[in-house]
């Protein structure tokens, strides 16, 4: 019996990573093509060349930034956060972006006048991506800060929880369904004011549109493989709302169901209902 499909980027980062180990896991889940892609990567002994992996992930995240630009993701995040801020009812102190990658969303928000005075913090598990995000932030003359941390343990970057809003894009599908409630329980424990996590609604239209887009627009084989798989691994809106209800009962949550080519990434959003921290 094959295991659930895996994304290549999850297996080769952070460094050091075993080439044979990553390939074996991909074959175990029936992903022969992906295993061959990993086996073609340079390695010293069995350890994937960290410089090659770092350069590859920069190219992959550059393509993800282009996708974000075409979907106008930062603009949508800004609009949605505006609504969340009104519901929170207090001046916003901080936005934390989990799994921030190149930091594109925060770099864009840094130049949005409506976020003047709001701390912008990005968290990613890949130190080399964090270093790159910092380089890009300096080049963009933006004030976002980027930290190494586990996006699946969201309390890591929150020293003072209130009033903080946690965001992410393309992270939730990396969380197994059985762990979704625990993911949101981290928000409950931290006492953050709200959250907005962007991921696709799975289904035939999303999968078909994703396959066509990635074949036409993505140059990197890893981008095409992982990007299309992300759409198929995503959780339906009902599963996300159930996970919030179980893991973070103090939050009023909403998530639009239904597939849409115009709003590929729809957020599950939540606002803390009771008490101030």
C-alpha atoms as a PDB file:
ATOM      1  CA  UNK A   1       0.000   0.000   0.000  1.00  0.00           C
ATOM      2  CA  UNK A   2       1.443   3.382  -1.037  1.00  0.00           C
ATOM      3  CA  UNK A   3       1.936   6.141   1.480  1.00  0.00           C
ATOM      4  CA  UNK A   4       0.376   9.608   0.995  1.00  0.00           C
ATOM      5  CA  UNK A   5       2.223  11.658  -1.667  1.00  0.00           C
ATOM      6  CA  UNK A   6       5.102  13.857  -0.524  1.00  0.00           C
ATOM      7  CA  UNK A   7       6.518  17.151  -1.730  1.00  0.00           C
ATOM      8  CA  UNK A   8      10.182  17.121  -2.710  1.00  0.00           C
ATOM      9  CA  UNK A   9      10.913  20.392  -0.924  1.00  0.00           C
ATOM     10  CA  UNK A  10       9.747  18.899   2.388  1.00  0.00           C
ATOM     11  CA  UNK A  11      12.340  16.132   2.088  1.00  0.00           C
ATOM     12  CA  UNK A  12      15.400  18.100   0.972  1.00  0.00           C
ATOM     13  CA  UNK A  13      15.128  20.994   3.445  1.00  0.00           C
ATOM     14  CA  UNK A  14      16.440  21.977   5.837  1.00  0.00           C
ATOM     15  CA  UNK A  15      20.001  20.848   5.118  1.00  0.00           C
ATOM     16  CA  UNK A  16      21.666  18.416   5.494  1.00  0.00           C
ATOM     17  CA  UNK A  17      19.402  15.914   3.763  1.00  0.00           C
ATOM     18  CA  UNK A  18      19.998  12.333   2.648  1.00  0.00           C
ATOM     19  CA  UNK A  19      19.617  11.789  -1.097  1.00  0.00           C
ATOM     20  CA  UNK A  20      18.885   8.073  -0.796  1.00  0.00           C
ATOM     21  CA  UNK A  21      16.574   8.642   2.164  1.00  0.00           C
ATOM     22  CA  UNK A  22      14.503  11.228   0.288  1.00  0.00           C
ATOM     23  CA  UNK A  23      14.342   9.061  -2.831  1.00  0.00           C
ATOM     24  CA  UNK A  24      13.309   6.010  -0.813  1.00  0.00           C
ATOM     25  CA  UNK A  25      10.461   7.896   0.858  1.00  0.00           C
ATOM     26  CA  UNK A  26       9.222   9.149  -2.503  1.00  0.00           C
ATOM     27  CA  UNK A  27       9.295   5.654  -3.986  1.00  0.00           C
ATOM     28  CA  UNK A  28       7.486   4.373  -0.919  1.00  0.00           C
ATOM     29  CA  UNK A  29       4.627   6.715  -1.741  1.00  0.00           C
ATOM     30  CA  UNK A  30       4.616   5.668  -5.410  1.00  0.00           C
ATOM     31  CA  UNK A  31       6.356   8.809  -6.720  1.00  0.00           C
ATOM     32  CA  UNK A  32       8.969   7.359  -9.071  1.00  0.00           C
ATOM     33  CA  UNK A  33       9.428  10.530 -11.140  1.00  0.00           C
ATOM     34  CA  UNK A  34      10.008  12.627  -8.017  1.00  0.00           C
ATOM     35  CA  UNK A  35      12.509  10.063  -6.712  1.00  0.00           C
ATOM     36  CA  UNK A  36      14.491  10.296  -9.942  1.00  0.00           C
ATOM     37  CA  UNK A  37      14.529  14.107  -9.683  1.00  0.00           C
ATOM     38  CA  UNK A  38      16.131  13.843  -6.245  1.00  0.00           C
ATOM     39  CA  UNK A  39      18.629  11.227  -7.407  1.00  0.00           C
ATOM     40  CA  UNK A  40      19.866  13.610 -10.110  1.00  0.00           C
ATOM     41  CA  UNK A  41      20.776  16.231  -7.502  1.00  0.00           C
ATOM     42  CA  UNK A  42      24.494  16.527  -6.629  1.00  0.00           C
ATOM     43  CA  UNK A  43      25.613  15.044  -3.330  1.00  0.00           C
ATOM     44  CA  UNK A  44      28.755  14.405  -1.311  1.00  0.00           C
ATOM     45  CA  UNK A  45      28.488  10.766  -0.320  1.00  0.00           C
ATOM     46  CA  UNK A  46      24.780  10.547   0.390  1.00  0.00           C
ATOM     47  CA  UNK A  47      24.306  14.124   1.621  1.00  0.00           C
ATOM     48  CA  UNK A  48      22.666  16.473  -0.850  1.00  0.00           C
ATOM     49  CA  UNK A  49      24.866  19.448  -1.741  1.00  0.00           C
ATOM     50  CA  UNK A  50      23.495  22.221   0.521  1.00  0.00           C
ATOM     51  CA  UNK A  51      24.545  24.962  -1.913  1.00  0.00           C
ATOM     52  CA  UNK A  52      22.659  23.249  -4.740  1.00  0.00           C
ATOM     53  CA  UNK A  53      19.580  22.833  -2.549  1.00  0.00           C
ATOM     54  CA  UNK A  54      19.754  26.465  -1.405  1.00  0.00           C
ATOM     55  CA  UNK A  55      20.003  27.729  -4.992  1.00  0.00           C
ATOM     56  CA  UNK A  56      17.173  25.417  -6.068  1.00  0.00           C
ATOM     57  CA  UNK A  57      14.890  26.614  -3.276  1.00  0.00           C
ATOM     58  CA  UNK A  58      15.605  30.229  -4.177  1.00  0.00           C
ATOM     59  CA  UNK A  59      14.496  29.525  -7.738  1.00  0.00           C
ATOM     60  CA  UNK A  60      11.405  27.658  -6.541  1.00  0.00           C
ATOM     61  CA  UNK A  61      10.418  30.488  -4.187  1.00  0.00           C
ATOM     62  CA  UNK A  62      11.050  33.061  -6.905  1.00  0.00           C
ATOM     63  CA  UNK A  63       8.469  31.194  -8.973  1.00  0.00           C
ATOM     64  CA  UNK A  64       6.136  31.133  -5.988  1.00  0.00           C
ATOM     65  CA  UNK A  65       6.549  34.904  -5.691  1.00  0.00           C
ATOM     66  CA  UNK A  66       5.589  35.291  -9.341  1.00  0.00           C
ATOM     67  CA  UNK A  67       2.503  33.184  -8.671  1.00  0.00           C
ATOM     68  CA  UNK A  68       1.686  35.405  -5.694  1.00  0.00           C
ATOM     69  CA  UNK A  69       2.063  38.467  -7.877  1.00  0.00           C
ATOM     70  CA  UNK A  70      -0.308  37.078 -10.512  1.00  0.00           C
ATOM     71  CA  UNK A  71      -2.868  36.122  -7.876  1.00  0.00           C
ATOM     72  CA  UNK A  72      -2.420  39.525  -6.160  1.00  0.00           C
ATOM     73  CA  UNK A  73      -1.950  37.648  -2.899  1.00  0.00           C
ATOM     74  CA  UNK A  74      -0.409  40.483  -0.816  1.00  0.00           C
ATOM     75  CA  UNK A  75      -3.189  42.851  -1.811  1.00  0.00           C
ATOM     76  CA  UNK A  76      -5.777  40.269  -0.746  1.00  0.00           C
ATOM     77  CA  UNK A  77      -3.959  39.669   2.535  1.00  0.00           C
ATOM     78  CA  UNK A  78      -3.944  43.404   3.207  1.00  0.00           C
ATOM     79  CA  UNK A  79      -7.683  43.663   2.543  1.00  0.00           C
ATOM     80  CA  UNK A  80      -8.522  40.639   4.675  1.00  0.00           C
ATOM     81  CA  UNK A  81      -6.320  41.849   7.531  1.00  0.00           C
ATOM     82  CA  UNK A  82      -8.112  45.181   7.397  1.00  0.00           C
ATOM     83  CA  UNK A  83     -11.374  43.371   8.092  1.00  0.00           C
ATOM     84  CA  UNK A  84      -9.775  41.253  10.835  1.00  0.00           C
ATOM     85  CA  UNK A  85      -8.343  44.337  12.512  1.00  0.00           C
ATOM     86  CA  UNK A  86     -11.810  45.860  12.725  1.00  0.00           C
ATOM     87  CA  UNK A  87     -13.167  42.683  14.308  1.00  0.00           C
ATOM     88  CA  UNK A  88     -10.305  42.529  16.820  1.00  0.00           C
ATOM     89  CA  UNK A  89     -11.259  46.034  17.918  1.00  0.00           C
ATOM     90  CA  UNK A  90      -7.804  47.011  19.156  1.00  0.00           C
ATOM     91  CA  UNK A  91      -4.768  48.527  17.434  1.00  0.00           C
ATOM     92  CA  UNK A  92      -2.775  45.767  15.778  1.00  0.00           C
ATOM     93  CA  UNK A  93       0.745  45.325  17.098  1.00  0.00           C
ATOM     94  CA  UNK A  94       2.187  42.477  15.045  1.00  0.00           C
ATOM     95  CA  UNK A  95       1.668  40.258  11.977  1.00  0.00           C
ATOM     96  CA  UNK A  96       3.527  36.911  11.967  1.00  0.00           C
ATOM     97  CA  UNK A  97       3.862  35.084   8.628  1.00  0.00           C
ATOM     98  CA  UNK A  98       4.441  31.350   9.129  1.00  0.00           C
ATOM     99  CA  UNK A  99       6.449  29.552   6.437  1.00  0.00           C
ATOM    100  CA  UNK A 100       7.307  32.937   4.952  1.00  0.00           C
ATOM    101  CA  UNK A 101       9.817  31.664   2.354  1.00  0.00           C
ATOM    102  CA  UNK A 102      11.281  34.664   0.534  1.00  0.00           C
ATOM    103  CA  UNK A 103       9.150  37.006   2.657  1.00  0.00           C
ATOM    104  CA  UNK A 104       7.270  38.409  -0.323  1.00  0.00           C
ATOM    105  CA  UNK A 105       3.959  39.044   1.472  1.00  0.00           C
ATOM    106  CA  UNK A 106       5.587  40.853   4.402  1.00  0.00           C
ATOM    107  CA  UNK A 107       7.890  42.823   2.129  1.00  0.00           C
ATOM    108  CA  UNK A 108       4.807  44.038   0.270  1.00  0.00           C
ATOM    109  CA  UNK A 109       2.921  44.843   3.496  1.00  0.00           C
ATOM    110  CA  UNK A 110       5.927  46.805   4.745  1.00  0.00           C
ATOM    111  CA  UNK A 111       5.271  49.394   2.035  1.00  0.00           C
ATOM    112  CA  UNK A 112       1.498  49.475   2.686  1.00  0.00           C
ATOM    113  CA  UNK A 113       0.735  52.686   4.665  1.00  0.00           C
ATOM    114  CA  UNK A 114      -2.051  50.936   6.569  1.00  0.00           C
ATOM    115  CA  UNK A 115       0.595  48.769   8.285  1.00  0.00           C
ATOM    116  CA  UNK A 116       2.767  51.640   9.463  1.00  0.00           C
ATOM    117  CA  UNK A 117       3.794  50.950  13.044  1.00  0.00           C
ATOM    118  CA  UNK A 118       2.838  47.265  12.863  1.00  0.00           C
ATOM    119  CA  UNK A 119       5.664  44.774  13.497  1.00  0.00           C
ATOM    120  CA  UNK A 120       6.090  42.343  10.602  1.00  0.00           C
ATOM    121  CA  UNK A 121       7.748  39.019  11.473  1.00  0.00           C
ATOM    122  CA  UNK A 122       8.396  36.100   9.106  1.00  0.00           C
ATOM    123  CA  UNK A 123       9.203  32.566  10.283  1.00  0.00           C
ATOM    124  CA  UNK A 124      10.628  29.732   8.174  1.00  0.00           C
ATOM    125  CA  UNK A 125      12.411  26.483   9.052  1.00  0.00           C
ATOM    126  CA  UNK A 126      15.013  26.873   6.272  1.00  0.00           C
ATOM    127  CA  UNK A 127      17.847  29.086   7.506  1.00  0.00           C
ATOM    128  CA  UNK A 128      19.086  29.805   3.985  1.00  0.00           C
ATOM    129  CA  UNK A 129      15.656  30.986   2.900  1.00  0.00           C
ATOM    130  CA  UNK A 130      15.505  33.226   5.960  1.00  0.00           C
ATOM    131  CA  UNK A 131      18.912  34.678   5.053  1.00  0.00           C
ATOM    132  CA  UNK A 132      17.632  35.334   1.525  1.00  0.00           C
ATOM    133  CA  UNK A 133      14.462  36.980   2.847  1.00  0.00           C
ATOM    134  CA  UNK A 134      16.645  39.291   4.921  1.00  0.00           C
ATOM    135  CA  UNK A 135      18.748  40.149   1.862  1.00  0.00           C
ATOM    136  CA  UNK A 136      15.636  40.946  -0.146  1.00  0.00           C
ATOM    137  CA  UNK A 137      14.225  43.008   2.720  1.00  0.00           C
ATOM    138  CA  UNK A 138      17.378  45.136   2.790  1.00  0.00           C
ATOM    139  CA  UNK A 139      17.213  45.561  -0.988  1.00  0.00           C
ATOM    140  CA  UNK A 140      13.528  46.516  -0.756  1.00  0.00           C
ATOM    141  CA  UNK A 141      14.262  48.859   2.175  1.00  0.00           C
ATOM    142  CA  UNK A 142      11.502  47.210   4.141  1.00  0.00           C
ATOM    143  CA  UNK A 143      11.356  46.815   7.916  1.00  0.00           C
ATOM    144  CA  UNK A 144      10.166  43.201   8.180  1.00  0.00           C
ATOM    145  CA  UNK A 145      12.160  40.872  10.423  1.00  0.00           C
ATOM    146  CA  UNK A 146      12.772  37.222   9.531  1.00  0.00           C
ATOM    147  CA  UNK A 147      13.488  34.389  11.970  1.00  0.00           C
ATOM    148  CA  UNK A 148      14.343  30.701  11.779  1.00  0.00           C
ATOM    149  CA  UNK A 149      11.595  28.633  13.360  1.00  0.00           C
ATOM    150  CA  UNK A 150       9.039  25.877  12.834  1.00  0.00           C
ATOM    151  CA  UNK A 151       5.940  27.127  11.036  1.00  0.00           C
ATOM    152  CA  UNK A 152       4.008  24.214  12.510  1.00  0.00           C
ATOM    153  CA  UNK A 153       4.770  25.414  16.055  1.00  0.00           C
ATOM    154  CA  UNK A 154       3.392  28.957  15.711  1.00  0.00           C
ATOM    155  CA  UNK A 155       4.107  30.050  19.281  1.00  0.00           C
ATOM    156  CA  UNK A 156       7.812  30.145  18.480  1.00  0.00           C
ATOM    157  CA  UNK A 157       7.868  33.746  17.228  1.00  0.00           C
ATOM    158  CA  UNK A 158       5.315  35.258  19.583  1.00  0.00           C
ATOM    159  CA  UNK A 159       6.917  36.726  22.690  1.00  0.00           C
ATOM    160  CA  UNK A 160       3.949  38.974  23.443  1.00  0.00           C
ATOM    161  CA  UNK A 161       0.735  37.580  21.936  1.00  0.00           C
ATOM    162  CA  UNK A 162      -1.662  40.501  21.931  1.00  0.00           C
ATOM    163  CA  UNK A 163      -2.660  41.945  19.642  1.00  0.00           C
ATOM    164  CA  UNK A 164      -1.020  39.662  17.044  1.00  0.00           C
ATOM    165  CA  UNK A 165      -2.471  38.177  13.852  1.00  0.00           C
ATOM    166  CA  UNK A 166      -0.889  35.044  12.372  1.00  0.00           C
ATOM    167  CA  UNK A 167      -0.956  34.509   8.605  1.00  0.00           C
ATOM    168  CA  UNK A 168       0.386  31.938   6.179  1.00  0.00           C
ATOM    169  CA  UNK A 169       0.118  31.054   2.492  1.00  0.00           C
ATOM    170  CA  UNK A 170       0.534  27.501   1.267  1.00  0.00           C
ATOM    171  CA  UNK A 171       1.318  26.039   4.700  1.00  0.00           C
ATOM    172  CA  UNK A 172      -1.843  24.245   5.839  1.00  0.00           C
ATOM    173  CA  UNK A 173      -1.611  21.465   3.240  1.00  0.00           C
ATOM    174  CA  UNK A 174       1.724  20.481   4.812  1.00  0.00           C
ATOM    175  CA  UNK A 175      -0.145  19.682   8.057  1.00  0.00           C
ATOM    176  CA  UNK A 176      -1.629  16.148   8.110  1.00  0.00           C
ATOM    177  CA  UNK A 177      -5.348  16.115   8.727  1.00  0.00           C
ATOM    178  CA  UNK A 178      -4.882  14.396  12.079  1.00  0.00           C
ATOM    179  CA  UNK A 179      -2.663  17.303  13.229  1.00  0.00           C
ATOM    180  CA  UNK A 180      -4.814  20.225  12.111  1.00  0.00           C
ATOM    181  CA  UNK A 181      -6.547  20.647  15.474  1.00  0.00           C
ATOM    182  CA  UNK A 182      -3.158  20.689  17.221  1.00  0.00           C
ATOM    183  CA  UNK A 183      -1.929  23.335  14.791  1.00  0.00           C
ATOM    184  CA  UNK A 184      -4.812  25.634  15.685  1.00  0.00           C
ATOM    185  CA  UNK A 185      -4.437  24.742  19.354  1.00  0.00           C
ATOM    186  CA  UNK A 186      -1.066  26.519  19.152  1.00  0.00           C
ATOM    187  CA  UNK A 187      -2.967  29.720  18.331  1.00  0.00           C
ATOM    188  CA  UNK A 188      -5.298  29.120  21.264  1.00  0.00           C
ATOM    189  CA  UNK A 189      -2.399  28.591  23.653  1.00  0.00           C
ATOM    190  CA  UNK A 190      -0.568  31.693  22.431  1.00  0.00           C
ATOM    191  CA  UNK A 191      -3.717  33.788  22.754  1.00  0.00           C
ATOM    192  CA  UNK A 192      -3.236  35.611  19.470  1.00  0.00           C
ATOM    193  CA  UNK A 193      -5.942  38.027  18.376  1.00  0.00           C
ATOM    194  CA  UNK A 194      -6.638  36.336  15.056  1.00  0.00           C
ATOM    195  CA  UNK A 195      -5.368  34.362  12.090  1.00  0.00           C
ATOM    196  CA  UNK A 196      -5.722  34.072   8.307  1.00  0.00           C
ATOM    197  CA  UNK A 197      -4.254  31.008   6.595  1.00  0.00           C
ATOM    198  CA  UNK A 198      -4.395  30.828   2.795  1.00  0.00           C
ATOM    199  CA  UNK A 199      -4.607  27.499   0.966  1.00  0.00           C
ATOM    200  CA  UNK A 200      -6.639  26.156  -1.974  1.00  0.00           C
ATOM    201  CA  UNK A 201      -9.989  24.408  -1.792  1.00  0.00           C
ATOM    202  CA  UNK A 202      -9.309  20.920  -3.232  1.00  0.00           C
ATOM    203  CA  UNK A 203     -11.324  19.438  -6.076  1.00  0.00           C
ATOM    204  CA  UNK A 204     -11.265  18.605  -9.770  1.00  0.00           C
ATOM    205  CA  UNK A 205     -11.331  22.225 -10.964  1.00  0.00           C
ATOM    206  CA  UNK A 206      -8.501  23.250  -8.650  1.00  0.00           C
ATOM    207  CA  UNK A 207      -6.408  20.229  -9.661  1.00  0.00           C
ATOM    208  CA  UNK A 208      -6.972  20.708 -13.391  1.00  0.00           C
ATOM    209  CA  UNK A 209      -6.275  24.437 -13.270  1.00  0.00           C
ATOM    210  CA  UNK A 210      -3.170  23.868 -11.165  1.00  0.00           C
ATOM    211  CA  UNK A 211      -1.781  21.228 -13.538  1.00  0.00           C
ATOM    212  CA  UNK A 212      -2.284  23.495 -16.539  1.00  0.00           C
ATOM    213  CA  UNK A 213      -0.807  26.563 -14.814  1.00  0.00           C
ATOM    214  CA  UNK A 214       2.254  24.788 -13.482  1.00  0.00           C
ATOM    215  CA  UNK A 215       3.002  23.136 -16.810  1.00  0.00           C
ATOM    216  CA  UNK A 216       2.699  26.478 -18.620  1.00  0.00           C
ATOM    217  CA  UNK A 217       4.329  28.844 -16.122  1.00  0.00           C
ATOM    218  CA  UNK A 218       6.812  26.989 -13.899  1.00  0.00           C
ATOM    219  CA  UNK A 219      10.323  26.337 -15.191  1.00  0.00           C
ATOM    220  CA  UNK A 220      11.642  24.232 -12.306  1.00  0.00           C
ATOM    221  CA  UNK A 221      10.687  20.561 -12.272  1.00  0.00           C
ATOM    222  CA  UNK A 222      10.429  20.694  -8.473  1.00  0.00           C
ATOM    223  CA  UNK A 223       8.041  23.669  -8.722  1.00  0.00           C
ATOM    224  CA  UNK A 224       5.824  21.795 -11.156  1.00  0.00           C
ATOM    225  CA  UNK A 225       5.813  18.654  -9.023  1.00  0.00           C
ATOM    226  CA  UNK A 226       5.295  20.267  -5.629  1.00  0.00           C
ATOM    227  CA  UNK A 227       2.972  23.027  -6.765  1.00  0.00           C
ATOM    228  CA  UNK A 228       0.498  20.721  -8.440  1.00  0.00           C
ATOM    229  CA  UNK A 229       0.664  18.255  -5.556  1.00  0.00           C
ATOM    230  CA  UNK A 230      -0.048  21.061  -3.076  1.00  0.00           C
ATOM    231  CA  UNK A 231      -3.474  21.569  -4.603  1.00  0.00           C
ATOM    232  CA  UNK A 232      -4.330  17.896  -4.210  1.00  0.00           C
ATOM    233  CA  UNK A 233      -3.056  17.753  -0.608  1.00  0.00           C
ATOM    234  CA  UNK A 234      -5.114  20.756   0.530  1.00  0.00           C
ATOM    235  CA  UNK A 235      -7.830  20.350   3.161  1.00  0.00           C
ATOM    236  CA  UNK A 236     -11.483  21.133   2.383  1.00  0.00           C
ATOM    237  CA  UNK A 237     -13.006  24.096   4.162  1.00  0.00           C
ATOM    238  CA  UNK A 238     -15.184  21.917   6.396  1.00  0.00           C
ATOM    239  CA  UNK A 239     -12.124  20.038   7.708  1.00  0.00           C
ATOM    240  CA  UNK A 240     -10.399  23.338   8.513  1.00  0.00           C
ATOM    241  CA  UNK A 241     -13.426  24.722  10.349  1.00  0.00           C
ATOM    242  CA  UNK A 242     -13.822  21.488  12.315  1.00  0.00           C
ATOM    243  CA  UNK A 243     -10.133  21.663  13.295  1.00  0.00           C
ATOM    244  CA  UNK A 244     -10.537  25.249  14.529  1.00  0.00           C
ATOM    245  CA  UNK A 245     -13.627  24.280  16.505  1.00  0.00           C
ATOM    246  CA  UNK A 246     -11.723  21.468  18.250  1.00  0.00           C
ATOM    247  CA  UNK A 247      -8.299  23.070  18.632  1.00  0.00           C
ATOM    248  CA  UNK A 248      -9.145  26.750  19.040  1.00  0.00           C
ATOM    249  CA  UNK A 249     -12.688  27.044  20.427  1.00  0.00           C
ATOM    250  CA  UNK A 250     -12.131  30.647  21.548  1.00  0.00           C
ATOM    251  CA  UNK A 251     -12.096  31.811  17.913  1.00  0.00           C
ATOM    252  CA  UNK A 252     -14.985  32.639  15.619  1.00  0.00           C
ATOM    253  CA  UNK A 253     -13.881  31.114  12.317  1.00  0.00           C
ATOM    254  CA  UNK A 254     -14.946  31.319   8.681  1.00  0.00           C
ATOM    255  CA  UNK A 255     -13.756  29.692   5.470  1.00  0.00           C
ATOM    256  CA  UNK A 256     -15.411  30.009   2.066  1.00  0.00           C
ATOM    257  CA  UNK A 257     -15.961  26.614   0.466  1.00  0.00           C
ATOM    258  CA  UNK A 258     -16.093  25.926  -3.241  1.00  0.00           C
ATOM    259  CA  UNK A 259     -13.401  25.996  -5.908  1.00  0.00           C
ATOM    260  CA  UNK A 260     -12.542  29.216  -7.728  1.00  0.00           C
ATOM    261  CA  UNK A 261     -10.015  30.014 -10.430  1.00  0.00           C
ATOM    262  CA  UNK A 262     -10.185  33.708  -9.521  1.00  0.00           C
ATOM    263  CA  UNK A 263      -9.559  33.108  -5.802  1.00  0.00           C
ATOM    264  CA  UNK A 264      -7.340  30.047  -5.845  1.00  0.00           C
ATOM    265  CA  UNK A 265      -6.092  30.616  -2.301  1.00  0.00           C
ATOM    266  CA  UNK A 266      -8.998  31.120   0.081  1.00  0.00           C
ATOM    267  CA  UNK A 267      -8.279  31.801   3.753  1.00  0.00           C
ATOM    268  CA  UNK A 268      -9.566  30.201   6.879  1.00  0.00           C
ATOM    269  CA  UNK A 269      -9.836  33.166   9.239  1.00  0.00           C
ATOM    270  CA  UNK A 270     -10.456  33.389  12.951  1.00  0.00           C
ATOM    271  CA  UNK A 271     -10.901  36.108  15.569  1.00  0.00           C
ATOM    272  CA  UNK A 272     -10.578  35.531  19.293  1.00  0.00           C
ATOM    273  CA  UNK A 273     -13.982  36.063  20.858  1.00  0.00           C
ATOM    274  CA  UNK A 274     -13.478  36.246  24.593  1.00  0.00           C
ATOM    275  CA  UNK A 275     -11.118  38.127  26.864  1.00  0.00           C
ATOM    276  CA  UNK A 276      -8.001  40.177  26.154  1.00  0.00           C
ATOM    277  CA  UNK A 277      -4.473  38.954  26.660  1.00  0.00           C
END
